[in-house]
Amino acid sequence: MGSMFYKNHTIVNTGRPAGSAEDPVGYLPMAVITWNRPDLRRRVMQIVKSEKLHETAEEASAVALEQAKAWIEHHSRER
């Protein structure tokens, strides 16, 4: 699991086991993105997931981080 601050967003990324946690068939990328919304006076959260399996948790976590950054880039342009 990793975490970083990117363009005023906090990203927590991981590769979660698919199938049994004791004997996974692979790992799925997942990231949680949070940021402040001053107009709402609270933090907002977005979860980014993928169903593509990866061989290691580290590989899936790295993919999740890149997907989260892409999500932030795309939604930053909309604001």
N, C-alpha and C. Protein backbone atom coordinates (compact mmCIF):
# COMPACT_ATOMS: atom_id res chain seq x y z
N MET A 1 0.84 -1.16 0.00
CA MET A 1 0.00 0.00 0.00
C MET A 1 0.90 1.23 0.00
N GLY A 2 0.45 2.23 -0.72
CA GLY A 2 1.20 3.47 -0.78
C GLY A 2 0.27 4.65 -0.59
N SER A 3 0.85 5.81 -0.39
CA SER A 3 0.06 7.02 -0.31
C SER A 3 0.92 8.19 -0.76
N MET A 4 0.25 9.19 -1.31
CA MET A 4 0.96 10.39 -1.73
C MET A 4 -0.03 11.54 -1.85
N PHE A 5 0.50 12.76 -1.84
CA PHE A 5 -0.26 13.97 -2.05
C PHE A 5 0.02 14.42 -3.47
N TYR A 6 -1.03 14.61 -4.28
CA TYR A 6 -0.87 14.95 -5.69
C TYR A 6 -1.90 15.99 -6.07
N LYS A 7 -1.44 17.18 -6.42
CA LYS A 7 -2.31 18.28 -6.87
C LYS A 7 -3.49 18.50 -5.93
N ASN A 8 -3.19 18.69 -4.65
CA ASN A 8 -4.20 18.95 -3.61
C ASN A 8 -5.15 17.79 -3.35
N HIS A 9 -4.75 16.60 -3.74
CA HIS A 9 -5.52 15.38 -3.48
C HIS A 9 -4.62 14.39 -2.74
N THR A 10 -5.20 13.64 -1.84
CA THR A 10 -4.49 12.55 -1.18
C THR A 10 -4.89 11.25 -1.85
N ILE A 11 -3.89 10.46 -2.23
CA ILE A 11 -4.13 9.17 -2.87
C ILE A 11 -3.60 8.07 -1.95
N VAL A 12 -4.43 7.08 -1.68
CA VAL A 12 -4.00 5.86 -0.99
C VAL A 12 -4.26 4.73 -1.98
N ASN A 13 -3.18 4.06 -2.39
CA ASN A 13 -3.30 3.03 -3.42
C ASN A 13 -2.83 1.68 -2.89
N THR A 14 -3.42 0.63 -3.45
CA THR A 14 -3.07 -0.72 -3.03
C THR A 14 -3.38 -1.72 -4.13
N GLY A 15 -2.88 -2.92 -3.96
CA GLY A 15 -3.25 -4.05 -4.79
C GLY A 15 -3.95 -5.04 -3.89
N ARG A 16 -5.25 -5.20 -4.05
CA ARG A 16 -5.97 -6.10 -3.14
C ARG A 16 -6.09 -7.48 -3.76
N PRO A 17 -6.03 -8.52 -2.93
CA PRO A 17 -6.08 -9.89 -3.44
C PRO A 17 -7.43 -10.19 -4.10
N ALA A 18 -7.39 -10.89 -5.20
CA ALA A 18 -8.60 -11.37 -5.86
C ALA A 18 -8.74 -12.85 -5.53
N GLY A 19 -9.94 -13.26 -5.21
CA GLY A 19 -10.15 -14.63 -4.79
C GLY A 19 -9.89 -14.73 -3.30
N SER A 20 -9.30 -15.79 -2.86
CA SER A 20 -9.00 -15.99 -1.45
C SER A 20 -7.79 -15.16 -1.03
N ALA A 21 -7.88 -14.52 0.12
CA ALA A 21 -6.76 -13.72 0.62
C ALA A 21 -5.55 -14.61 0.91
N GLU A 22 -5.80 -15.88 1.29
CA GLU A 22 -4.72 -16.81 1.59
C GLU A 22 -4.06 -17.35 0.32
N ASP A 23 -4.82 -17.43 -0.75
CA ASP A 23 -4.31 -17.98 -2.01
C ASP A 23 -4.90 -17.19 -3.18
N PRO A 24 -4.49 -15.94 -3.35
CA PRO A 24 -5.10 -15.10 -4.39
C PRO A 24 -4.76 -15.57 -5.80
N VAL A 25 -5.69 -15.32 -6.71
CA VAL A 25 -5.46 -15.63 -8.12
C VAL A 25 -4.75 -14.47 -8.81
N GLY A 26 -4.62 -13.38 -8.13
CA GLY A 26 -3.97 -12.18 -8.64
C GLY A 26 -4.34 -11.01 -7.74
N TYR A 27 -3.98 -9.81 -8.17
CA TYR A 27 -4.22 -8.62 -7.37
C TYR A 27 -4.89 -7.55 -8.22
N LEU A 28 -5.87 -6.86 -7.63
CA LEU A 28 -6.63 -5.83 -8.32
C LEU A 28 -6.20 -4.44 -7.85
N PRO A 29 -5.99 -3.52 -8.79
CA PRO A 29 -5.64 -2.15 -8.41
C PRO A 29 -6.82 -1.44 -7.75
N MET A 30 -6.55 -0.70 -6.70
CA MET A 30 -7.59 0.10 -6.05
C MET A 30 -6.93 1.33 -5.41
N ALA A 31 -7.57 2.47 -5.59
CA ALA A 31 -7.06 3.72 -5.00
C ALA A 31 -8.23 4.50 -4.42
N VAL A 32 -7.98 5.15 -3.32
CA VAL A 32 -8.94 6.07 -2.71
C VAL A 32 -8.34 7.46 -2.82
N ILE A 33 -9.12 8.37 -3.40
CA ILE A 33 -8.69 9.76 -3.60
C ILE A 33 -9.56 10.63 -2.70
N THR A 34 -8.93 11.50 -1.92
CA THR A 34 -9.69 12.44 -1.09
C THR A 34 -9.17 13.86 -1.32
N TRP A 35 -10.06 14.81 -1.16
CA TRP A 35 -9.68 16.21 -1.29
C TRP A 35 -10.69 17.07 -0.53
N ASN A 36 -10.30 18.30 -0.22
CA ASN A 36 -11.18 19.23 0.50
C ASN A 36 -12.09 19.94 -0.48
N ARG A 37 -13.34 20.11 -0.06
CA ARG A 37 -14.29 20.93 -0.80
C ARG A 37 -14.72 22.06 0.12
N PRO A 38 -14.01 23.21 0.06
CA PRO A 38 -14.33 24.32 0.97
C PRO A 38 -15.79 24.78 0.85
N ASP A 39 -16.35 24.69 -0.37
CA ASP A 39 -17.74 25.12 -0.55
C ASP A 39 -18.71 24.21 0.21
N LEU A 40 -18.32 22.95 0.43
CA LEU A 40 -19.16 22.02 1.19
C LEU A 40 -18.70 21.85 2.63
N ARG A 41 -17.53 22.45 2.95
CA ARG A 41 -16.93 22.37 4.29
C ARG A 41 -16.69 20.92 4.72
N ARG A 42 -16.21 20.13 3.78
CA ARG A 42 -15.90 18.73 4.11
C ARG A 42 -14.93 18.16 3.09
N ARG A 43 -14.45 16.95 3.40
CA ARG A 43 -13.61 16.22 2.46
C ARG A 43 -14.50 15.35 1.59
N VAL A 44 -14.06 15.14 0.38
CA VAL A 44 -14.79 14.32 -0.59
C VAL A 44 -13.90 13.14 -0.95
N MET A 45 -14.52 12.02 -1.29
CA MET A 45 -13.77 10.80 -1.58
C MET A 45 -14.25 10.19 -2.90
N GLN A 46 -13.29 9.67 -3.64
CA GLN A 46 -13.56 8.92 -4.88
C GLN A 46 -12.75 7.63 -4.83
N ILE A 47 -13.37 6.52 -5.18
CA ILE A 47 -12.66 5.24 -5.24
C ILE A 47 -12.48 4.86 -6.70
N VAL A 48 -11.25 4.53 -7.06
CA VAL A 48 -10.91 4.10 -8.42
C VAL A 48 -10.49 2.64 -8.34
N LYS A 49 -11.20 1.78 -9.09
CA LYS A 49 -10.90 0.35 -9.07
C LYS A 49 -10.78 -0.17 -10.49
N SER A 50 -10.10 -1.28 -10.62
CA SER A 50 -9.97 -1.95 -11.91
C SER A 50 -10.19 -3.44 -11.69
N GLU A 51 -10.71 -4.10 -12.69
CA GLU A 51 -10.95 -5.54 -12.60
C GLU A 51 -9.84 -6.34 -13.29
N LYS A 52 -8.80 -5.64 -13.79
CA LYS A 52 -7.69 -6.34 -14.45
C LYS A 52 -6.74 -6.89 -13.41
N LEU A 53 -6.49 -8.18 -13.45
CA LEU A 53 -5.60 -8.84 -12.49
C LEU A 53 -4.14 -8.58 -12.81
N HIS A 54 -3.34 -8.46 -11.76
CA HIS A 54 -1.89 -8.31 -11.88
C HIS A 54 -1.24 -9.37 -11.02
N GLU A 55 -0.01 -9.74 -11.36
CA GLU A 55 0.67 -10.84 -10.68
C GLU A 55 1.05 -10.52 -9.25
N THR A 56 1.43 -9.28 -8.97
CA THR A 56 1.86 -8.93 -7.62
C THR A 56 1.04 -7.76 -7.08
N ALA A 57 1.01 -7.65 -5.75
CA ALA A 57 0.32 -6.53 -5.11
C ALA A 57 1.02 -5.22 -5.46
N GLU A 58 2.34 -5.25 -5.55
CA GLU A 58 3.10 -4.03 -5.87
C GLU A 58 2.77 -3.52 -7.27
N GLU A 59 2.67 -4.44 -8.22
CA GLU A 59 2.33 -4.06 -9.59
C GLU A 59 0.92 -3.46 -9.64
N ALA A 60 -0.03 -4.10 -8.98
CA ALA A 60 -1.40 -3.59 -8.94
C ALA A 60 -1.47 -2.24 -8.26
N SER A 61 -0.71 -2.06 -7.19
CA SER A 61 -0.68 -0.79 -6.47
C SER A 61 -0.13 0.33 -7.35
N ALA A 62 0.92 0.04 -8.12
CA ALA A 62 1.49 1.03 -9.04
C ALA A 62 0.48 1.43 -10.11
N VAL A 63 -0.25 0.46 -10.63
CA VAL A 63 -1.29 0.74 -11.63
C VAL A 63 -2.38 1.60 -11.01
N ALA A 64 -2.78 1.29 -9.79
CA ALA A 64 -3.81 2.07 -9.09
C ALA A 64 -3.37 3.52 -8.93
N LEU A 65 -2.10 3.74 -8.61
CA LEU A 65 -1.58 5.10 -8.45
C LEU A 65 -1.67 5.86 -9.77
N GLU A 66 -1.28 5.24 -10.85
CA GLU A 66 -1.36 5.90 -12.17
C GLU A 66 -2.81 6.18 -12.56
N GLN A 67 -3.72 5.25 -12.27
CA GLN A 67 -5.13 5.48 -12.57
C GLN A 67 -5.69 6.63 -11.75
N ALA A 68 -5.28 6.72 -10.49
CA ALA A 68 -5.74 7.82 -9.63
C ALA A 68 -5.23 9.16 -10.14
N LYS A 69 -3.97 9.21 -10.53
CA LYS A 69 -3.42 10.45 -11.09
C LYS A 69 -4.17 10.85 -12.36
N ALA A 70 -4.47 9.89 -13.22
CA ALA A 70 -5.22 10.18 -14.44
C ALA A 70 -6.62 10.70 -14.11
N TRP A 71 -7.25 10.12 -13.10
CA TRP A 71 -8.58 10.58 -12.69
C TRP A 71 -8.50 12.03 -12.22
N ILE A 72 -7.48 12.34 -11.43
CA ILE A 72 -7.31 13.72 -10.93
C ILE A 72 -7.06 14.67 -12.10
N GLU A 73 -6.19 14.29 -13.01
CA GLU A 73 -5.91 15.15 -14.18
C GLU A 73 -7.19 15.42 -14.98
N HIS A 74 -7.95 14.38 -15.23
CA HIS A 74 -9.19 14.52 -16.02
C HIS A 74 -10.18 15.43 -15.31
N HIS A 75 -10.37 15.24 -14.01
CA HIS A 75 -11.36 16.02 -13.28
C HIS A 75 -10.87 17.42 -12.92
N SER A 76 -9.57 17.63 -12.92
CA SER A 76 -9.04 18.97 -12.68
C SER A 76 -9.35 19.88 -13.86
N ARG A 77 -9.37 19.30 -15.06
CA ARG A 77 -9.68 20.09 -16.26
C ARG A 77 -11.15 20.50 -16.29
N GLU A 78 -12.01 19.74 -15.63
CA GLU A 78 -13.45 20.04 -15.63
C GLU A 78 -13.80 21.21 -14.72
N ARG A 79 -12.94 21.48 -13.74
CA ARG A 79 -13.24 22.56 -12.77
C ARG A 79 -12.84 23.89 -13.25
